[in-house]
């Protein structure tokens, strides 16, 4: 039986059964300090899929960094089939500045597939595509909610493609959301190459959320098992089925003021139900914030200071609302 070939990343060859961290060279800081894109490569002894696992494309979304750290510590990886390309910090510039963007205010996740001679964002995207995406067979990209906004743990994928449905169901997040492709996103670049791809979202920017991290680690492991990269688990408690979302809508502020929230993530709400109250700093008058459809709250703002038009609550419309709420409650209980 022929020995499996090595894999080359960043000009280094990682042989079967080896693991190594490779620093892909990126642009320096203007202080002449070098900045790299670290890739941890685990190349299994036996053939199998090549999974790209990435985080911090948005530099303030750090839950994924911890998810990847915990995945890389798994003893099961000694028995890995295929290859894991783990990139915990894609956008080091954003992480250093604790911001979503690059120094030129460009969004890296709107810059794929990039170009070798373009903007800093285009060059980083091009580097990721050349070194990681073009070697991958499957893609998981880890995100959180934006600044001052928390997302219920959820998977987003183009569910019109069966390969993405399989990947999303294997990850088994509490919520699966059909999400159209955004031009310039990593997910769009992956789909252009025919790669199954999903985004996992959970928690808030610049905050560790233990539940979202735990579900993210669990989801990555489950996906790798479904792909045959890790051994199947023994008998275990069966997880509740994910809630599949049809459509979503943001409830926005009708006026400016101080928001007091009266609902929580994962809660089932009915059209017209009060979600919070907006008042002025003196307490003279209160404006209720109400749901404009029946559904599940899958995202919300954490900032009580709101302007008219601000997005406050993200509500998902689902089939069988009562059963969906029960499934989300079961997910919550499964974390304890």
C-alpha atoms as a PDB file:
ATOM      1  CA  UNK A   1       0.000   0.000   0.000  1.00  0.00           C
ATOM      2  CA  UNK A   2       1.446   3.343  -1.109  1.00  0.00           C
ATOM      3  CA  UNK A   3       2.338   5.840   1.596  1.00  0.00           C
ATOM      4  CA  UNK A   4       0.074   8.875   1.677  1.00  0.00           C
ATOM      5  CA  UNK A   5       1.627  12.024   0.192  1.00  0.00           C
ATOM      6  CA  UNK A   6       2.357  15.057   2.332  1.00  0.00           C
ATOM      7  CA  UNK A   7       0.524  18.357   2.034  1.00  0.00           C
ATOM      8  CA  UNK A   8       2.292  21.633   1.296  1.00  0.00           C
ATOM      9  CA  UNK A   9       1.178  24.802   3.090  1.00  0.00           C
ATOM     10  CA  UNK A  10       3.165  28.029   3.105  1.00  0.00           C
ATOM     11  CA  UNK A  11       6.081  26.362   1.348  1.00  0.00           C
ATOM     12  CA  UNK A  12       6.370  23.669   4.038  1.00  0.00           C
ATOM     13  CA  UNK A  13       5.519  20.011   3.516  1.00  0.00           C
ATOM     14  CA  UNK A  14       3.674  18.290   6.352  1.00  0.00           C
ATOM     15  CA  UNK A  15       3.906  14.524   6.128  1.00  0.00           C
ATOM     16  CA  UNK A  16       1.251  11.942   7.062  1.00  0.00           C
ATOM     17  CA  UNK A  17       0.875  11.662  10.821  1.00  0.00           C
ATOM     18  CA  UNK A  18       2.479  15.081  11.398  1.00  0.00           C
ATOM     19  CA  UNK A  19       1.086  18.315  12.792  1.00  0.00           C
ATOM     20  CA  UNK A  20       2.714  21.709  12.484  1.00  0.00           C
ATOM     21  CA  UNK A  21       1.920  25.395  12.782  1.00  0.00           C
ATOM     22  CA  UNK A  22       2.813  27.352   9.656  1.00  0.00           C
ATOM     23  CA  UNK A  23       2.898  31.162   9.707  1.00  0.00           C
ATOM     24  CA  UNK A  24       1.737  32.503   6.361  1.00  0.00           C
ATOM     25  CA  UNK A  25       3.460  35.822   5.673  1.00  0.00           C
ATOM     26  CA  UNK A  26       1.184  38.846   5.437  1.00  0.00           C
ATOM     27  CA  UNK A  27       1.861  42.582   5.290  1.00  0.00           C
ATOM     28  CA  UNK A  28       3.976  44.068   8.066  1.00  0.00           C
ATOM     29  CA  UNK A  29       2.750  46.723  10.445  1.00  0.00           C
ATOM     30  CA  UNK A  30       4.046  50.205   9.664  1.00  0.00           C
ATOM     31  CA  UNK A  31       6.366  49.741  12.674  1.00  0.00           C
ATOM     32  CA  UNK A  32       8.123  47.069  10.565  1.00  0.00           C
ATOM     33  CA  UNK A  33       6.725  44.411  12.910  1.00  0.00           C
ATOM     34  CA  UNK A  34       5.944  41.196  11.002  1.00  0.00           C
ATOM     35  CA  UNK A  35       2.364  39.888  11.082  1.00  0.00           C
ATOM     36  CA  UNK A  36       1.440  36.366  10.041  1.00  0.00           C
ATOM     37  CA  UNK A  37      -1.639  34.245   9.483  1.00  0.00           C
ATOM     38  CA  UNK A  38      -1.005  31.130  11.612  1.00  0.00           C
ATOM     39  CA  UNK A  39      -2.274  27.820  10.219  1.00  0.00           C
ATOM     40  CA  UNK A  40      -2.188  24.649  12.309  1.00  0.00           C
ATOM     41  CA  UNK A  41      -1.989  21.686   9.940  1.00  0.00           C
ATOM     42  CA  UNK A  42      -2.810  18.161  11.081  1.00  0.00           C
ATOM     43  CA  UNK A  43      -2.201  15.695   8.255  1.00  0.00           C
ATOM     44  CA  UNK A  44      -3.626  12.293   9.104  1.00  0.00           C
ATOM     45  CA  UNK A  45      -1.927   9.050   8.204  1.00  0.00           C
ATOM     46  CA  UNK A  46      -4.943   7.934   6.198  1.00  0.00           C
ATOM     47  CA  UNK A  47      -6.772   9.626   3.337  1.00  0.00           C
ATOM     48  CA  UNK A  48      -9.924  11.604   3.994  1.00  0.00           C
ATOM     49  CA  UNK A  49     -11.500  15.038   3.634  1.00  0.00           C
ATOM     50  CA  UNK A  50      -9.566  18.277   4.025  1.00  0.00           C
ATOM     51  CA  UNK A  51     -11.468  20.532   6.430  1.00  0.00           C
ATOM     52  CA  UNK A  52     -10.816  24.272   6.546  1.00  0.00           C
ATOM     53  CA  UNK A  53     -11.715  25.564  10.019  1.00  0.00           C
ATOM     54  CA  UNK A  54     -11.348  29.340  10.371  1.00  0.00           C
ATOM     55  CA  UNK A  55     -12.111  32.092  12.860  1.00  0.00           C
ATOM     56  CA  UNK A  56     -11.608  35.832  13.412  1.00  0.00           C
ATOM     57  CA  UNK A  57     -12.118  36.868   9.809  1.00  0.00           C
ATOM     58  CA  UNK A  58     -13.781  39.700  11.697  1.00  0.00           C
ATOM     59  CA  UNK A  59     -11.139  40.646  14.239  1.00  0.00           C
ATOM     60  CA  UNK A  60     -13.532  41.277  17.137  1.00  0.00           C
ATOM     61  CA  UNK A  61     -15.300  37.904  16.825  1.00  0.00           C
ATOM     62  CA  UNK A  62     -13.207  35.807  19.185  1.00  0.00           C
ATOM     63  CA  UNK A  63     -15.376  32.844  20.245  1.00  0.00           C
ATOM     64  CA  UNK A  64     -14.079  30.938  17.242  1.00  0.00           C
ATOM     65  CA  UNK A  65     -10.482  31.355  18.403  1.00  0.00           C
ATOM     66  CA  UNK A  66     -11.344  29.490  21.601  1.00  0.00           C
ATOM     67  CA  UNK A  67     -13.390  26.875  19.712  1.00  0.00           C
ATOM     68  CA  UNK A  68     -10.398  26.065  17.514  1.00  0.00           C
ATOM     69  CA  UNK A  69      -8.046  25.997  20.526  1.00  0.00           C
ATOM     70  CA  UNK A  70     -10.237  23.402  22.220  1.00  0.00           C
ATOM     71  CA  UNK A  71     -10.620  21.349  19.032  1.00  0.00           C
ATOM     72  CA  UNK A  72      -6.843  21.252  18.532  1.00  0.00           C
ATOM     73  CA  UNK A  73      -6.441  19.893  22.087  1.00  0.00           C
ATOM     74  CA  UNK A  74      -8.611  16.831  21.376  1.00  0.00           C
ATOM     75  CA  UNK A  75      -6.772  13.530  21.832  1.00  0.00           C
ATOM     76  CA  UNK A  76      -8.941  12.003  19.078  1.00  0.00           C
ATOM     77  CA  UNK A  77      -6.962  13.977  16.496  1.00  0.00           C
ATOM     78  CA  UNK A  78      -4.203  11.368  16.803  1.00  0.00           C
ATOM     79  CA  UNK A  79      -6.552   9.107  14.824  1.00  0.00           C
ATOM     80  CA  UNK A  80      -7.494  11.732  12.233  1.00  0.00           C
ATOM     81  CA  UNK A  81      -8.368  10.637   8.717  1.00  0.00           C
ATOM     82  CA  UNK A  82      -7.720  13.330   6.123  1.00  0.00           C
ATOM     83  CA  UNK A  83      -6.411  16.788   6.986  1.00  0.00           C
ATOM     84  CA  UNK A  84      -7.417  19.632   9.273  1.00  0.00           C
ATOM     85  CA  UNK A  85      -6.369  23.159   8.278  1.00  0.00           C
ATOM     86  CA  UNK A  86      -7.158  25.255  11.361  1.00  0.00           C
ATOM     87  CA  UNK A  87      -6.774  29.047  11.109  1.00  0.00           C
ATOM     88  CA  UNK A  88      -7.806  30.552  14.463  1.00  0.00           C
ATOM     89  CA  UNK A  89      -6.889  34.138  13.494  1.00  0.00           C
ATOM     90  CA  UNK A  90      -7.420  35.012   9.839  1.00  0.00           C
ATOM     91  CA  UNK A  91      -7.498  38.785  10.413  1.00  0.00           C
ATOM     92  CA  UNK A  92      -4.620  39.426  12.829  1.00  0.00           C
ATOM     93  CA  UNK A  93      -4.802  43.165  12.129  1.00  0.00           C
ATOM     94  CA  UNK A  94      -8.395  43.295  13.361  1.00  0.00           C
ATOM     95  CA  UNK A  95      -7.640  41.134  16.410  1.00  0.00           C
ATOM     96  CA  UNK A  96      -4.758  43.425  17.407  1.00  0.00           C
ATOM     97  CA  UNK A  97      -7.025  46.471  17.159  1.00  0.00           C
ATOM     98  CA  UNK A  98     -10.042  44.590  18.619  1.00  0.00           C
ATOM     99  CA  UNK A  99     -12.134  45.645  15.636  1.00  0.00           C
ATOM    100  CA  UNK A 100     -14.156  43.929  12.931  1.00  0.00           C
ATOM    101  CA  UNK A 101     -12.255  45.597  10.115  1.00  0.00           C
ATOM    102  CA  UNK A 102      -8.792  45.945   8.662  1.00  0.00           C
ATOM    103  CA  UNK A 103      -6.776  49.164   9.137  1.00  0.00           C
ATOM    104  CA  UNK A 104      -8.259  50.633   5.936  1.00  0.00           C
ATOM    105  CA  UNK A 105     -11.802  49.919   7.268  1.00  0.00           C
ATOM    106  CA  UNK A 106     -12.401  47.201   4.700  1.00  0.00           C
ATOM    107  CA  UNK A 107     -14.351  44.091   5.673  1.00  0.00           C
ATOM    108  CA  UNK A 108     -12.237  41.009   4.939  1.00  0.00           C
ATOM    109  CA  UNK A 109     -15.399  38.914   4.564  1.00  0.00           C
ATOM    110  CA  UNK A 110     -16.459  41.076   1.611  1.00  0.00           C
ATOM    111  CA  UNK A 111     -13.093  40.778  -0.133  1.00  0.00           C
ATOM    112  CA  UNK A 112     -12.875  37.159  -1.324  1.00  0.00           C
ATOM    113  CA  UNK A 113     -11.430  35.717  -3.496  1.00  0.00           C
ATOM    114  CA  UNK A 114      -9.140  38.741  -3.424  1.00  0.00           C
ATOM    115  CA  UNK A 115      -6.077  39.488  -5.538  1.00  0.00           C
ATOM    116  CA  UNK A 116      -2.327  39.459  -5.058  1.00  0.00           C
ATOM    117  CA  UNK A 117      -1.960  43.140  -5.994  1.00  0.00           C
ATOM    118  CA  UNK A 118      -5.094  44.676  -4.495  1.00  0.00           C
ATOM    119  CA  UNK A 119      -5.908  46.262  -1.125  1.00  0.00           C
ATOM    120  CA  UNK A 120      -4.683  44.748   2.140  1.00  0.00           C
ATOM    121  CA  UNK A 121      -8.050  42.971   2.464  1.00  0.00           C
ATOM    122  CA  UNK A 122      -7.789  41.633  -1.095  1.00  0.00           C
ATOM    123  CA  UNK A 123      -4.263  40.372  -0.463  1.00  0.00           C
ATOM    124  CA  UNK A 124      -5.222  38.575   2.772  1.00  0.00           C
ATOM    125  CA  UNK A 125      -8.238  36.997   1.076  1.00  0.00           C
ATOM    126  CA  UNK A 126      -6.081  35.902  -1.861  1.00  0.00           C
ATOM    127  CA  UNK A 127      -3.524  34.362   0.511  1.00  0.00           C
ATOM    128  CA  UNK A 128      -6.251  32.416   2.347  1.00  0.00           C
ATOM    129  CA  UNK A 129      -7.752  31.165  -0.921  1.00  0.00           C
ATOM    130  CA  UNK A 130      -4.394  30.059  -2.347  1.00  0.00           C
ATOM    131  CA  UNK A 131      -3.060  28.369   0.781  1.00  0.00           C
ATOM    132  CA  UNK A 132      -6.218  27.065   2.486  1.00  0.00           C
ATOM    133  CA  UNK A 133      -9.364  27.132   0.368  1.00  0.00           C
ATOM    134  CA  UNK A 134      -7.789  25.626  -2.749  1.00  0.00           C
ATOM    135  CA  UNK A 135      -6.666  22.632  -0.645  1.00  0.00           C
ATOM    136  CA  UNK A 136      -9.968  22.123   1.202  1.00  0.00           C
ATOM    137  CA  UNK A 137     -12.892  19.818   0.519  1.00  0.00           C
ATOM    138  CA  UNK A 138     -15.166  21.247   3.268  1.00  0.00           C
ATOM    139  CA  UNK A 139     -15.361  24.643   4.993  1.00  0.00           C
ATOM    140  CA  UNK A 140     -16.517  25.766   8.449  1.00  0.00           C
ATOM    141  CA  UNK A 141     -16.148  29.471   9.238  1.00  0.00           C
ATOM    142  CA  UNK A 142     -16.720  30.575  12.854  1.00  0.00           C
ATOM    143  CA  UNK A 143     -18.338  33.928  13.718  1.00  0.00           C
ATOM    144  CA  UNK A 144     -20.265  35.749  16.468  1.00  0.00           C
ATOM    145  CA  UNK A 145     -22.794  38.531  16.576  1.00  0.00           C
ATOM    146  CA  UNK A 146     -21.541  42.055  15.922  1.00  0.00           C
ATOM    147  CA  UNK A 147     -20.481  44.532  18.605  1.00  0.00           C
ATOM    148  CA  UNK A 148     -23.117  44.846  21.375  1.00  0.00           C
ATOM    149  CA  UNK A 149     -25.234  42.141  19.728  1.00  0.00           C
ATOM    150  CA  UNK A 150     -25.654  38.501  20.788  1.00  0.00           C
ATOM    151  CA  UNK A 151     -26.677  35.689  18.456  1.00  0.00           C
ATOM    152  CA  UNK A 152     -28.291  32.465  19.570  1.00  0.00           C
ATOM    153  CA  UNK A 153     -25.949  29.662  18.377  1.00  0.00           C
ATOM    154  CA  UNK A 154     -26.894  29.025  14.757  1.00  0.00           C
ATOM    155  CA  UNK A 155     -25.590  27.676  11.479  1.00  0.00           C
ATOM    156  CA  UNK A 156     -26.003  29.662   8.284  1.00  0.00           C
ATOM    157  CA  UNK A 157     -25.724  27.994   4.901  1.00  0.00           C
ATOM    158  CA  UNK A 158     -27.154  28.009   1.406  1.00  0.00           C
ATOM    159  CA  UNK A 159     -29.710  25.276   1.977  1.00  0.00           C
ATOM    160  CA  UNK A 160     -30.598  25.128  -1.714  1.00  0.00           C
ATOM    161  CA  UNK A 161     -27.470  22.975  -2.091  1.00  0.00           C
ATOM    162  CA  UNK A 162     -27.849  19.449  -0.687  1.00  0.00           C
ATOM    163  CA  UNK A 163     -24.148  19.259   0.219  1.00  0.00           C
ATOM    164  CA  UNK A 164     -24.608  22.255   2.526  1.00  0.00           C
ATOM    165  CA  UNK A 165     -27.708  20.744   4.114  1.00  0.00           C
ATOM    166  CA  UNK A 166     -25.743  17.610   4.973  1.00  0.00           C
ATOM    167  CA  UNK A 167     -22.936  19.665   6.517  1.00  0.00           C
ATOM    168  CA  UNK A 168     -25.344  21.872   8.503  1.00  0.00           C
ATOM    169  CA  UNK A 169     -27.308  18.910   9.843  1.00  0.00           C
ATOM    170  CA  UNK A 170     -24.087  17.184  10.864  1.00  0.00           C
ATOM    171  CA  UNK A 171     -22.977  20.272  12.836  1.00  0.00           C
ATOM    172  CA  UNK A 172     -26.332  20.159  14.674  1.00  0.00           C
ATOM    173  CA  UNK A 173     -26.478  23.705  16.022  1.00  0.00           C
ATOM    174  CA  UNK A 174     -29.748  24.674  17.747  1.00  0.00           C
ATOM    175  CA  UNK A 175     -30.844  26.698  14.693  1.00  0.00           C
ATOM    176  CA  UNK A 176     -30.191  26.165  10.966  1.00  0.00           C
ATOM    177  CA  UNK A 177     -30.823  29.282   8.886  1.00  0.00           C
ATOM    178  CA  UNK A 178     -30.999  29.439   5.100  1.00  0.00           C
ATOM    179  CA  UNK A 179     -28.703  32.304   4.171  1.00  0.00           C
ATOM    180  CA  UNK A 180     -28.120  33.598   0.663  1.00  0.00           C
ATOM    181  CA  UNK A 181     -24.515  34.095  -0.359  1.00  0.00           C
ATOM    182  CA  UNK A 182     -22.967  37.520   0.169  1.00  0.00           C
ATOM    183  CA  UNK A 183     -20.665  38.756  -2.562  1.00  0.00           C
ATOM    184  CA  UNK A 184     -17.060  38.706  -1.422  1.00  0.00           C
ATOM    185  CA  UNK A 185     -17.623  36.348   1.520  1.00  0.00           C
ATOM    186  CA  UNK A 186     -15.484  33.313   2.258  1.00  0.00           C
ATOM    187  CA  UNK A 187     -18.608  31.193   1.942  1.00  0.00           C
ATOM    188  CA  UNK A 188     -19.280  32.548  -1.563  1.00  0.00           C
ATOM    189  CA  UNK A 189     -15.688  31.832  -2.609  1.00  0.00           C
ATOM    190  CA  UNK A 190     -16.042  28.277  -1.280  1.00  0.00           C
ATOM    191  CA  UNK A 191     -19.289  27.675  -3.155  1.00  0.00           C
ATOM    192  CA  UNK A 192     -17.730  28.983  -6.388  1.00  0.00           C
ATOM    193  CA  UNK A 193     -15.276  26.098  -5.979  1.00  0.00           C
ATOM    194  CA  UNK A 194     -18.041  23.584  -5.305  1.00  0.00           C
ATOM    195  CA  UNK A 195     -17.107  23.185  -1.633  1.00  0.00           C
ATOM    196  CA  UNK A 196     -19.718  22.486   1.069  1.00  0.00           C
ATOM    197  CA  UNK A 197     -19.522  25.490   3.394  1.00  0.00           C
ATOM    198  CA  UNK A 198     -21.259  26.818   6.472  1.00  0.00           C
ATOM    199  CA  UNK A 199     -20.947  29.644   8.952  1.00  0.00           C
ATOM    200  CA  UNK A 200     -21.439  29.048  12.672  1.00  0.00           C
ATOM    201  CA  UNK A 201     -22.567  32.112  14.645  1.00  0.00           C
ATOM    202  CA  UNK A 202     -22.930  32.345  18.398  1.00  0.00           C
ATOM    203  CA  UNK A 203     -22.442  34.902  21.143  1.00  0.00           C
ATOM    204  CA  UNK A 204     -21.200  38.491  20.953  1.00  0.00           C
ATOM    205  CA  UNK A 205     -18.102  40.258  19.618  1.00  0.00           C
ATOM    206  CA  UNK A 206     -15.177  40.668  22.057  1.00  0.00           C
ATOM    207  CA  UNK A 207     -16.784  38.356  24.625  1.00  0.00           C
ATOM    208  CA  UNK A 208     -16.354  34.661  25.365  1.00  0.00           C
ATOM    209  CA  UNK A 209     -19.747  32.971  25.545  1.00  0.00           C
ATOM    210  CA  UNK A 210     -19.353  29.564  27.197  1.00  0.00           C
ATOM    211  CA  UNK A 211     -22.524  28.042  25.744  1.00  0.00           C
ATOM    212  CA  UNK A 212     -21.699  29.165  22.198  1.00  0.00           C
ATOM    213  CA  UNK A 213     -18.133  27.874  22.534  1.00  0.00           C
ATOM    214  CA  UNK A 214     -19.279  24.515  23.891  1.00  0.00           C
ATOM    215  CA  UNK A 215     -21.825  24.087  21.106  1.00  0.00           C
ATOM    216  CA  UNK A 216     -19.236  25.157  18.533  1.00  0.00           C
ATOM    217  CA  UNK A 217     -16.702  22.574  19.710  1.00  0.00           C
ATOM    218  CA  UNK A 218     -19.419  19.933  19.816  1.00  0.00           C
ATOM    219  CA  UNK A 219     -20.534  20.882  16.307  1.00  0.00           C
ATOM    220  CA  UNK A 220     -17.052  20.717  14.797  1.00  0.00           C
ATOM    221  CA  UNK A 221     -16.452  17.300  16.359  1.00  0.00           C
ATOM    222  CA  UNK A 222     -19.835  16.022  15.143  1.00  0.00           C
ATOM    223  CA  UNK A 223     -19.130  17.284  11.621  1.00  0.00           C
ATOM    224  CA  UNK A 224     -15.708  15.654  11.530  1.00  0.00           C
ATOM    225  CA  UNK A 225     -17.262  12.383  12.681  1.00  0.00           C
ATOM    226  CA  UNK A 226     -19.947  12.620  10.003  1.00  0.00           C
ATOM    227  CA  UNK A 227     -17.225  13.184   7.385  1.00  0.00           C
ATOM    228  CA  UNK A 228     -15.334  10.127   8.617  1.00  0.00           C
ATOM    229  CA  UNK A 229     -12.394  12.208   9.866  1.00  0.00           C
ATOM    230  CA  UNK A 230     -12.796  11.107  13.496  1.00  0.00           C
ATOM    231  CA  UNK A 231     -13.973   7.790  14.953  1.00  0.00           C
ATOM    232  CA  UNK A 232     -17.663   7.515  15.701  1.00  0.00           C
ATOM    233  CA  UNK A 233     -18.642   8.086  19.303  1.00  0.00           C
ATOM    234  CA  UNK A 234     -20.020   5.335  21.470  1.00  0.00           C
ATOM    235  CA  UNK A 235     -23.520   5.408  22.860  1.00  0.00           C
ATOM    236  CA  UNK A 236     -24.546   8.901  23.874  1.00  0.00           C
ATOM    237  CA  UNK A 237     -27.614  10.914  24.734  1.00  0.00           C
ATOM    238  CA  UNK A 238     -29.388  11.876  21.517  1.00  0.00           C
ATOM    239  CA  UNK A 239     -29.362  15.629  20.882  1.00  0.00           C
ATOM    240  CA  UNK A 240     -32.604  17.437  20.070  1.00  0.00           C
ATOM    241  CA  UNK A 241     -33.142  18.073  16.342  1.00  0.00           C
ATOM    242  CA  UNK A 242     -32.061  21.507  15.086  1.00  0.00           C
ATOM    243  CA  UNK A 243     -34.736  24.122  14.404  1.00  0.00           C
ATOM    244  CA  UNK A 244     -34.830  24.979  10.699  1.00  0.00           C
ATOM    245  CA  UNK A 245     -35.688  28.603   9.970  1.00  0.00           C
ATOM    246  CA  UNK A 246     -37.753  29.790   7.017  1.00  0.00           C
ATOM    247  CA  UNK A 247     -37.304  33.555   7.212  1.00  0.00           C
ATOM    248  CA  UNK A 248     -36.086  36.124   9.717  1.00  0.00           C
ATOM    249  CA  UNK A 249     -36.866  39.759  10.460  1.00  0.00           C
ATOM    250  CA  UNK A 250     -35.320  42.437  12.673  1.00  0.00           C
ATOM    251  CA  UNK A 251     -37.580  44.447  14.981  1.00  0.00           C
ATOM    252  CA  UNK A 252     -36.311  48.027  14.928  1.00  0.00           C
ATOM    253  CA  UNK A 253     -36.672  50.930  17.349  1.00  0.00           C
ATOM    254  CA  UNK A 254     -39.550  53.313  16.605  1.00  0.00           C
ATOM    255  CA  UNK A 255     -37.887  56.030  18.681  1.00  0.00           C
ATOM    256  CA  UNK A 256     -34.595  56.882  20.385  1.00  0.00           C
ATOM    257  CA  UNK A 257     -34.040  56.351  24.100  1.00  0.00           C
ATOM    258  CA  UNK A 258     -33.056  53.839  26.765  1.00  0.00           C
ATOM    259  CA  UNK A 259     -34.028  50.231  26.064  1.00  0.00           C
ATOM    260  CA  UNK A 260     -35.013  47.813  28.806  1.00  0.00           C
ATOM    261  CA  UNK A 261     -35.229  44.288  27.413  1.00  0.00           C
ATOM    262  CA  UNK A 262     -37.946  41.951  28.695  1.00  0.00           C
ATOM    263  CA  UNK A 263     -37.250  38.865  26.541  1.00  0.00           C
ATOM    264  CA  UNK A 264     -34.337  36.478  26.102  1.00  0.00           C
ATOM    265  CA  UNK A 265     -32.631  34.572  23.319  1.00  0.00           C
ATOM    266  CA  UNK A 266     -34.381  31.383  22.254  1.00  0.00           C
ATOM    267  CA  UNK A 267     -37.742  32.526  23.588  1.00  0.00           C
ATOM    268  CA  UNK A 268     -40.920  31.835  21.636  1.00  0.00           C
ATOM    269  CA  UNK A 269     -42.817  35.080  20.949  1.00  0.00           C
ATOM    270  CA  UNK A 270     -46.178  35.889  19.394  1.00  0.00           C
ATOM    271  CA  UNK A 271     -47.034  38.778  17.113  1.00  0.00           C
ATOM    272  CA  UNK A 272     -47.805  41.837  19.233  1.00  0.00           C
ATOM    273  CA  UNK A 273     -45.983  40.491  22.298  1.00  0.00           C
ATOM    274  CA  UNK A 274     -43.868  43.036  24.162  1.00  0.00           C
ATOM    275  CA  UNK A 275     -40.109  42.486  23.863  1.00  0.00           C
ATOM    276  CA  UNK A 276     -38.911  45.575  25.714  1.00  0.00           C
ATOM    277  CA  UNK A 277     -39.557  49.221  26.556  1.00  0.00           C
ATOM    278  CA  UNK A 278     -37.874  52.398  25.329  1.00  0.00           C
ATOM    279  CA  UNK A 279     -38.013  55.478  27.536  1.00  0.00           C
ATOM    280  CA  UNK A 280     -36.222  58.800  27.797  1.00  0.00           C
ATOM    281  CA  UNK A 281     -33.624  59.350  30.547  1.00  0.00           C
ATOM    282  CA  UNK A 282     -36.249  61.025  32.753  1.00  0.00           C
ATOM    283  CA  UNK A 283     -38.811  58.233  32.542  1.00  0.00           C
ATOM    284  CA  UNK A 284     -41.390  60.503  30.945  1.00  0.00           C
ATOM    285  CA  UNK A 285     -43.260  58.113  28.705  1.00  0.00           C
ATOM    286  CA  UNK A 286     -42.437  54.598  27.582  1.00  0.00           C
ATOM    287  CA  UNK A 287     -42.699  53.112  24.103  1.00  0.00           C
ATOM    288  CA  UNK A 288     -43.182  49.339  23.925  1.00  0.00           C
ATOM    289  CA  UNK A 289     -41.160  47.283  21.453  1.00  0.00           C
ATOM    290  CA  UNK A 290     -43.358  44.478  20.124  1.00  0.00           C
ATOM    291  CA  UNK A 291     -42.874  41.450  17.906  1.00  0.00           C
ATOM    292  CA  UNK A 292     -44.288  41.856  14.407  1.00  0.00           C
ATOM    293  CA  UNK A 293     -44.481  38.109  13.724  1.00  0.00           C
ATOM    294  CA  UNK A 294     -44.683  34.787  15.567  1.00  0.00           C
ATOM    295  CA  UNK A 295     -41.286  33.181  15.990  1.00  0.00           C
ATOM    296  CA  UNK A 296     -38.140  32.538  18.012  1.00  0.00           C
ATOM    297  CA  UNK A 297     -35.733  35.268  19.162  1.00  0.00           C
ATOM    298  CA  UNK A 298     -32.351  34.344  17.640  1.00  0.00           C
ATOM    299  CA  UNK A 299     -30.503  37.633  18.133  1.00  0.00           C
ATOM    300  CA  UNK A 300     -30.744  40.848  20.117  1.00  0.00           C
ATOM    301  CA  UNK A 301     -28.900  44.020  20.963  1.00  0.00           C
ATOM    302  CA  UNK A 302     -27.123  44.233  24.313  1.00  0.00           C
ATOM    303  CA  UNK A 303     -26.730  48.010  24.218  1.00  0.00           C
ATOM    304  CA  UNK A 304     -29.514  49.861  26.053  1.00  0.00           C
ATOM    305  CA  UNK A 305     -28.760  53.138  24.237  1.00  0.00           C
ATOM    306  CA  UNK A 306     -30.743  53.065  20.999  1.00  0.00           C
ATOM    307  CA  UNK A 307     -31.540  55.399  18.144  1.00  0.00           C
ATOM    308  CA  UNK A 308     -34.661  55.347  16.032  1.00  0.00           C
ATOM    309  CA  UNK A 309     -34.254  52.627  13.406  1.00  0.00           C
ATOM    310  CA  UNK A 310     -31.706  50.552  15.332  1.00  0.00           C
ATOM    311  CA  UNK A 311     -32.049  46.752  15.023  1.00  0.00           C
ATOM    312  CA  UNK A 312     -33.121  45.414  18.412  1.00  0.00           C
ATOM    313  CA  UNK A 313     -34.459  41.847  18.158  1.00  0.00           C
ATOM    314  CA  UNK A 314     -33.903  39.251  15.425  1.00  0.00           C
ATOM    315  CA  UNK A 315     -36.918  36.963  15.110  1.00  0.00           C
ATOM    316  CA  UNK A 316     -36.998  33.738  13.100  1.00  0.00           C
ATOM    317  CA  UNK A 317     -40.205  32.355  11.626  1.00  0.00           C
ATOM    318  CA  UNK A 318     -40.308  28.578  11.966  1.00  0.00           C
ATOM    319  CA  UNK A 319     -42.675  25.692  11.332  1.00  0.00           C
ATOM    320  CA  UNK A 320     -44.281  24.223  14.455  1.00  0.00           C
ATOM    321  CA  UNK A 321     -43.418  27.091  16.780  1.00  0.00           C
ATOM    322  CA  UNK A 322     -44.213  25.302  20.027  1.00  0.00           C
ATOM    323  CA  UNK A 323     -42.096  22.263  19.119  1.00  0.00           C
ATOM    324  CA  UNK A 324     -39.221  24.527  18.056  1.00  0.00           C
ATOM    325  CA  UNK A 325     -39.275  26.338  21.394  1.00  0.00           C
ATOM    326  CA  UNK A 326     -39.224  22.998  23.206  1.00  0.00           C
ATOM    327  CA  UNK A 327     -36.250  21.845  21.115  1.00  0.00           C
ATOM    328  CA  UNK A 328     -34.308  25.008  21.969  1.00  0.00           C
ATOM    329  CA  UNK A 329     -35.075  24.504  25.646  1.00  0.00           C
ATOM    330  CA  UNK A 330     -33.747  20.943  25.345  1.00  0.00           C
ATOM    331  CA  UNK A 331     -30.546  22.276  23.775  1.00  0.00           C
ATOM    332  CA  UNK A 332     -30.099  24.632  26.689  1.00  0.00           C
ATOM    333  CA  UNK A 333     -30.604  21.807  29.154  1.00  0.00           C
ATOM    334  CA  UNK A 334     -28.102  19.628  27.286  1.00  0.00           C
ATOM    335  CA  UNK A 335     -25.321  22.098  28.071  1.00  0.00           C
ATOM    336  CA  UNK A 336     -25.629  21.659  31.828  1.00  0.00           C
END
